[in-house]
Amino acid sequence: MPGLARPIIADATQLPAEDAAQLRRLCEAALAAGRQGGASPALPIPDGRRYRLTIEFGAVRRELTAADPVIEPEVAALIRFVQDRGQR
């Protein structure tokens, strides 16, 4: 579908201070869940969405991937935040 593959960017420098702080907390929680391995992955839903989250803190860049259904609540919360407050 045109437009669905375009990235959505949530840049903390472009957000109000409260949203920027929330974004940082969500990123840290999602990265921690990713390091711990999270819950055992479920089988992806056929034709479900796949997500690639690129998180940058200064010069440090990490990537997380997920697919529907997103099992880890920390990753799901970050995805919702970016979808709600990010820009294409």
Protein backbone atom coordinates (compact mmCIF):
# COMPACT_ATOMS: atom_id res chain seq x y z
CA MET A 1 0.00 0.00 0.00
CA PRO A 2 1.54 3.32 -0.92
CA GLY A 3 2.54 5.35 2.08
CA LEU A 4 2.50 2.48 4.60
CA ALA A 5 6.17 1.75 4.08
CA ARG A 6 7.26 5.36 4.58
CA PRO A 7 9.04 5.79 7.89
CA ILE A 8 7.40 7.58 10.78
CA ILE A 9 9.88 9.66 12.77
CA ALA A 10 9.47 10.81 16.35
CA ASP A 11 12.29 13.28 17.00
CA ALA A 12 12.58 14.24 20.67
CA THR A 13 14.00 17.64 19.69
CA GLN A 14 10.76 18.41 17.84
CA LEU A 15 8.41 17.30 20.64
CA PRO A 16 7.18 19.15 23.73
CA ALA A 17 9.39 18.47 26.78
CA GLU A 18 6.89 16.08 28.40
CA ASP A 19 6.50 14.02 25.21
CA ALA A 20 10.27 13.99 24.67
CA ALA A 21 10.81 12.63 28.19
CA GLN A 22 8.14 9.98 27.62
CA LEU A 23 9.75 8.99 24.30
CA ARG A 24 13.11 8.56 26.02
CA ARG A 25 11.55 6.36 28.74
CA LEU A 26 9.75 4.25 26.14
CA CYS A 27 12.94 3.82 24.10
CA GLU A 28 14.94 2.78 27.15
CA ALA A 29 12.25 0.28 28.20
CA ALA A 30 11.97 -1.19 24.68
CA LEU A 31 15.75 -1.55 24.42
CA ALA A 32 15.90 -3.23 27.84
CA ALA A 33 13.17 -5.67 26.79
CA GLY A 34 15.10 -6.38 23.59
CA ARG A 35 18.31 -7.09 25.53
CA GLN A 36 16.49 -9.50 27.84
CA GLY A 37 15.13 -11.35 24.85
CA GLY A 38 11.53 -10.48 25.72
CA ALA A 39 8.78 -13.05 25.64
CA SER A 40 9.01 -15.97 23.27
CA PRO A 41 8.01 -14.69 19.85
CA ALA A 42 4.56 -15.54 18.55
CA LEU A 43 4.01 -16.59 14.98
CA PRO A 44 3.53 -13.47 12.85
CA ILE A 45 0.03 -12.87 11.55
CA PRO A 46 -0.20 -13.50 7.80
CA ASP A 47 -0.11 -10.11 6.07
CA GLY A 48 0.53 -8.50 9.47
CA ARG A 49 2.73 -5.47 9.82
CA ARG A 50 6.42 -5.68 10.49
CA TYR A 51 8.19 -2.93 12.38
CA ARG A 52 11.80 -1.78 12.38
CA LEU A 53 12.52 0.72 15.13
CA THR A 54 15.75 2.70 14.91
CA ILE A 55 16.60 4.36 18.21
CA GLU A 56 19.37 6.95 18.34
CA PHE A 57 20.85 8.44 21.50
CA GLY A 58 23.66 10.73 20.33
CA ALA A 59 26.14 8.56 18.44
CA VAL A 60 24.59 5.29 19.69
CA ARG A 61 22.19 3.68 17.26
CA ARG A 62 20.19 0.52 17.98
CA GLU A 63 17.55 -1.29 15.97
CA LEU A 64 14.64 -3.38 17.17
CA THR A 65 12.35 -5.41 14.96
CA ALA A 66 8.86 -6.67 15.69
CA ALA A 67 5.90 -8.14 13.86
CA ASP A 68 2.20 -8.35 14.60
CA PRO A 69 1.28 -9.53 17.14
CA VAL A 70 3.85 -7.53 19.13
CA ILE A 71 4.37 -9.54 22.32
CA GLU A 72 6.61 -7.24 24.38
CA PRO A 73 4.45 -4.52 25.99
CA GLU A 74 7.40 -2.11 26.06
CA VAL A 75 7.91 -2.39 22.31
CA ALA A 76 4.16 -2.15 21.64
CA ALA A 77 3.98 1.04 23.74
CA LEU A 78 6.85 2.60 21.78
CA ILE A 79 5.22 1.69 18.47
CA ARG A 80 1.93 3.31 19.56
CA PHE A 81 3.72 6.46 20.74
CA VAL A 82 5.58 6.84 17.44
CA GLN A 83 2.41 6.21 15.42
CA ASP A 84 0.51 8.79 17.47
CA ARG A 85 3.13 11.55 17.68
CA GLY A 86 5.55 10.88 14.84
CA GLN A 87 5.61 12.45 11.41
CA ARG A 88 6.05 10.95 7.96
